[in-house]
Amino acid sequence: MTPQGLGELEQLVLLAVLRLGDTAYAVSVREEIERRAQRAISRGAVYVTLDRMERKGYLRSRRGPPTAARGGKAKRLFSVAAPGLKALRAALDGTQAMLDGLPPDLAWSPRR
């Protein structure tokens, strides 16, 4: 991973936040990754990654409204910032470049 590059979990977190839109918070991000990528990820890993990506400027967070179901606590909602989208595009372009030109018996498409 280059200093500007994204790790696999960072890519998955950004993709999950994009998919979830306005409802992205730590628990929903974790559930989205587990459901779609079929990867078990600890709560701690998700929280640490969200915090790190916010410090890098890849994510923004805001407090949602407090809810009775959460004992009056508010969820911390996330959205992808422009630098995060740029970094994700670069990472996905790099992955696609590695996939392009594989022999037919090894060919794989992320769009399957």
C-alpha atoms as a PDB file:
ATOM      1  CA  MET A   1       0.000   0.000   0.000  1.00  0.00           C
ATOM      2  CA  THR A   2       1.388   3.391  -0.974  1.00  0.00           C
ATOM      3  CA  PRO A   3       1.053   6.317   1.425  1.00  0.00           C
ATOM      4  CA  GLN A   4      -1.864   7.610  -0.676  1.00  0.00           C
ATOM      5  CA  GLY A   5      -3.287   4.143  -1.330  1.00  0.00           C
ATOM      6  CA  LEU A   6      -6.211   2.485   0.352  1.00  0.00           C
ATOM      7  CA  GLY A   7      -6.128  -0.825   2.153  1.00  0.00           C
ATOM      8  CA  GLU A   8      -8.769  -3.450   1.443  1.00  0.00           C
ATOM      9  CA  LEU A   9     -10.819  -2.651   4.548  1.00  0.00           C
ATOM     10  CA  GLU A  10     -10.701   1.063   3.732  1.00  0.00           C
ATOM     11  CA  GLN A  11     -12.033   0.319   0.249  1.00  0.00           C
ATOM     12  CA  LEU A  12     -14.820  -1.821   1.681  1.00  0.00           C
ATOM     13  CA  VAL A  13     -15.741   0.872   4.218  1.00  0.00           C
ATOM     14  CA  LEU A  14     -15.911   3.575   1.536  1.00  0.00           C
ATOM     15  CA  LEU A  15     -18.028   1.352  -0.694  1.00  0.00           C
ATOM     16  CA  ALA A  16     -20.376   0.512   2.185  1.00  0.00           C
ATOM     17  CA  VAL A  17     -20.786   4.185   3.125  1.00  0.00           C
ATOM     18  CA  LEU A  18     -21.557   5.035  -0.508  1.00  0.00           C
ATOM     19  CA  ARG A  19     -24.136   2.244  -0.711  1.00  0.00           C
ATOM     20  CA  LEU A  20     -25.817   3.189   2.562  1.00  0.00           C
ATOM     21  CA  GLY A  21     -26.015   6.903   1.815  1.00  0.00           C
ATOM     22  CA  ASP A  22     -27.558   9.013   4.588  1.00  0.00           C
ATOM     23  CA  THR A  23     -28.013   5.992   6.872  1.00  0.00           C
ATOM     24  CA  ALA A  24     -24.327   4.997   7.128  1.00  0.00           C
ATOM     25  CA  TYR A  25     -23.190   4.528  10.717  1.00  0.00           C
ATOM     26  CA  ALA A  26     -20.692   2.090  12.209  1.00  0.00           C
ATOM     27  CA  VAL A  27     -23.077  -0.820  12.771  1.00  0.00           C
ATOM     28  CA  SER A  28     -24.733  -0.505   9.358  1.00  0.00           C
ATOM     29  CA  VAL A  29     -21.323  -0.236   7.656  1.00  0.00           C
ATOM     30  CA  ARG A  30     -20.193  -3.437   9.354  1.00  0.00           C
ATOM     31  CA  GLU A  31     -23.414  -5.244   8.434  1.00  0.00           C
ATOM     32  CA  GLU A  32     -23.189  -4.068   4.806  1.00  0.00           C
ATOM     33  CA  ILE A  33     -19.618  -5.346   4.481  1.00  0.00           C
ATOM     34  CA  GLU A  34     -20.469  -8.666   6.118  1.00  0.00           C
ATOM     35  CA  ARG A  35     -23.548  -9.150   3.938  1.00  0.00           C
ATOM     36  CA  ARG A  36     -22.138  -8.066   0.576  1.00  0.00           C
ATOM     37  CA  ALA A  37     -18.441  -8.990   0.865  1.00  0.00           C
ATOM     38  CA  GLN A  38     -19.115 -11.970   3.134  1.00  0.00           C
ATOM     39  CA  ARG A  39     -16.302 -10.869   5.420  1.00  0.00           C
ATOM     40  CA  ALA A  40     -16.470 -11.051   9.207  1.00  0.00           C
ATOM     41  CA  ILE A  41     -15.144  -7.789  10.626  1.00  0.00           C
ATOM     42  CA  SER A  42     -14.916  -6.844  14.282  1.00  0.00           C
ATOM     43  CA  ARG A  43     -16.736  -3.783  15.578  1.00  0.00           C
ATOM     44  CA  GLY A  44     -13.424  -2.374  16.726  1.00  0.00           C
ATOM     45  CA  ALA A  45     -11.891  -2.663  13.264  1.00  0.00           C
ATOM     46  CA  VAL A  46     -14.819  -0.753  11.773  1.00  0.00           C
ATOM     47  CA  TYR A  47     -14.675   2.034  14.383  1.00  0.00           C
ATOM     48  CA  VAL A  48     -10.895   2.409  14.048  1.00  0.00           C
ATOM     49  CA  THR A  49     -11.127   2.479  10.249  1.00  0.00           C
ATOM     50  CA  LEU A  50     -13.953   5.038  10.243  1.00  0.00           C
ATOM     51  CA  ASP A  51     -12.010   7.297  12.634  1.00  0.00           C
ATOM     52  CA  ARG A  52      -8.784   6.976  10.632  1.00  0.00           C
ATOM     53  CA  MET A  53     -10.523   7.723   7.359  1.00  0.00           C
ATOM     54  CA  GLU A  54     -12.199  10.775   8.841  1.00  0.00           C
ATOM     55  CA  ARG A  55      -8.819  12.060  10.051  1.00  0.00           C
ATOM     56  CA  LYS A  56      -7.433  11.535   6.521  1.00  0.00           C
ATOM     57  CA  GLY A  57     -10.310  13.604   5.133  1.00  0.00           C
ATOM     58  CA  TYR A  58     -11.862  10.675   3.239  1.00  0.00           C
ATOM     59  CA  LEU A  59     -15.036  10.643   5.344  1.00  0.00           C
ATOM     60  CA  ARG A  60     -17.136  13.245   7.134  1.00  0.00           C
ATOM     61  CA  SER A  61     -19.354  12.541  10.111  1.00  0.00           C
ATOM     62  CA  ARG A  62     -22.282  14.234  11.774  1.00  0.00           C
ATOM     63  CA  ARG A  63     -24.591  13.405  14.641  1.00  0.00           C
ATOM     64  CA  GLY A  64     -28.017  12.100  13.738  1.00  0.00           C
ATOM     65  CA  PRO A  65     -31.053  12.778  15.912  1.00  0.00           C
ATOM     66  CA  PRO A  66     -31.220  11.045  19.306  1.00  0.00           C
ATOM     67  CA  THR A  67     -33.556   8.061  19.373  1.00  0.00           C
ATOM     68  CA  ALA A  68     -35.457   6.380  22.181  1.00  0.00           C
ATOM     69  CA  ALA A  69     -34.313   2.977  20.887  1.00  0.00           C
ATOM     70  CA  ARG A  70     -30.727   4.057  21.614  1.00  0.00           C
ATOM     71  CA  GLY A  71     -31.521   5.430  25.057  1.00  0.00           C
ATOM     72  CA  GLY A  72     -31.571   8.996  23.758  1.00  0.00           C
ATOM     73  CA  LYS A  73     -28.177   8.674  22.087  1.00  0.00           C
ATOM     74  CA  ALA A  74     -27.504   9.895  18.559  1.00  0.00           C
ATOM     75  CA  LYS A  75     -25.897   7.842  15.806  1.00  0.00           C
ATOM     76  CA  ARG A  76     -22.708   9.125  14.202  1.00  0.00           C
ATOM     77  CA  LEU A  77     -23.551   9.192  10.505  1.00  0.00           C
ATOM     78  CA  PHE A  78     -20.869   9.102   7.813  1.00  0.00           C
ATOM     79  CA  SER A  79     -20.580  10.343   4.238  1.00  0.00           C
ATOM     80  CA  VAL A  80     -17.772  10.080   1.701  1.00  0.00           C
ATOM     81  CA  ALA A  81     -15.823  13.307   1.125  1.00  0.00           C
ATOM     82  CA  ALA A  82     -14.368  14.248  -2.282  1.00  0.00           C
ATOM     83  CA  PRO A  83     -10.824  13.057  -1.373  1.00  0.00           C
ATOM     84  CA  GLY A  84     -12.280   9.698  -0.318  1.00  0.00           C
ATOM     85  CA  LEU A  85     -14.085   9.301  -3.610  1.00  0.00           C
ATOM     86  CA  LYS A  86     -10.906  10.202  -5.500  1.00  0.00           C
ATOM     87  CA  ALA A  87      -8.844   7.683  -3.500  1.00  0.00           C
ATOM     88  CA  LEU A  88     -11.460   4.973  -4.020  1.00  0.00           C
ATOM     89  CA  ARG A  89     -11.558   5.568  -7.771  1.00  0.00           C
ATOM     90  CA  ALA A  90      -7.761   5.352  -7.928  1.00  0.00           C
ATOM     91  CA  ALA A  91      -7.755   2.100  -5.939  1.00  0.00           C
ATOM     92  CA  LEU A  92     -10.465   0.528  -8.085  1.00  0.00           C
ATOM     93  CA  ASP A  93      -8.735   1.677 -11.287  1.00  0.00           C
ATOM     94  CA  GLY A  94      -5.535   0.013 -10.064  1.00  0.00           C
ATOM     95  CA  THR A  95      -7.377  -3.208  -9.331  1.00  0.00           C
ATOM     96  CA  GLN A  96      -9.044  -3.131 -12.741  1.00  0.00           C
ATOM     97  CA  ALA A  97      -5.669  -2.548 -14.433  1.00  0.00           C
ATOM     98  CA  MET A  98      -4.339  -5.673 -12.732  1.00  0.00           C
ATOM     99  CA  LEU A  99      -7.366  -7.677 -13.894  1.00  0.00           C
ATOM    100  CA  ASP A 100      -7.212  -6.470 -17.498  1.00  0.00           C
ATOM    101  CA  GLY A 101      -5.400  -8.841 -19.805  1.00  0.00           C
ATOM    102  CA  LEU A 102      -5.522 -11.933 -17.602  1.00  0.00           C
ATOM    103  CA  PRO A 103      -5.566 -15.153 -19.611  1.00  0.00           C
ATOM    104  CA  PRO A 104      -9.120 -16.339 -20.348  1.00  0.00           C
ATOM    105  CA  ASP A 105      -8.868 -19.234 -17.882  1.00  0.00           C
ATOM    106  CA  LEU A 106      -7.998 -16.754 -15.113  1.00  0.00           C
ATOM    107  CA  ALA A 107     -10.272 -13.935 -16.254  1.00  0.00           C
ATOM    108  CA  TRP A 108     -12.484 -12.504 -13.593  1.00  0.00           C
ATOM    109  CA  SER A 109     -14.843  -9.597 -13.738  1.00  0.00           C
ATOM    110  CA  PRO A 110     -15.908  -7.664 -10.644  1.00  0.00           C
ATOM    111  CA  ARG A 111     -19.207  -7.007 -12.414  1.00  0.00           C
ATOM    112  CA  ARG A 112     -20.346 -10.658 -12.340  1.00  0.00           C
END
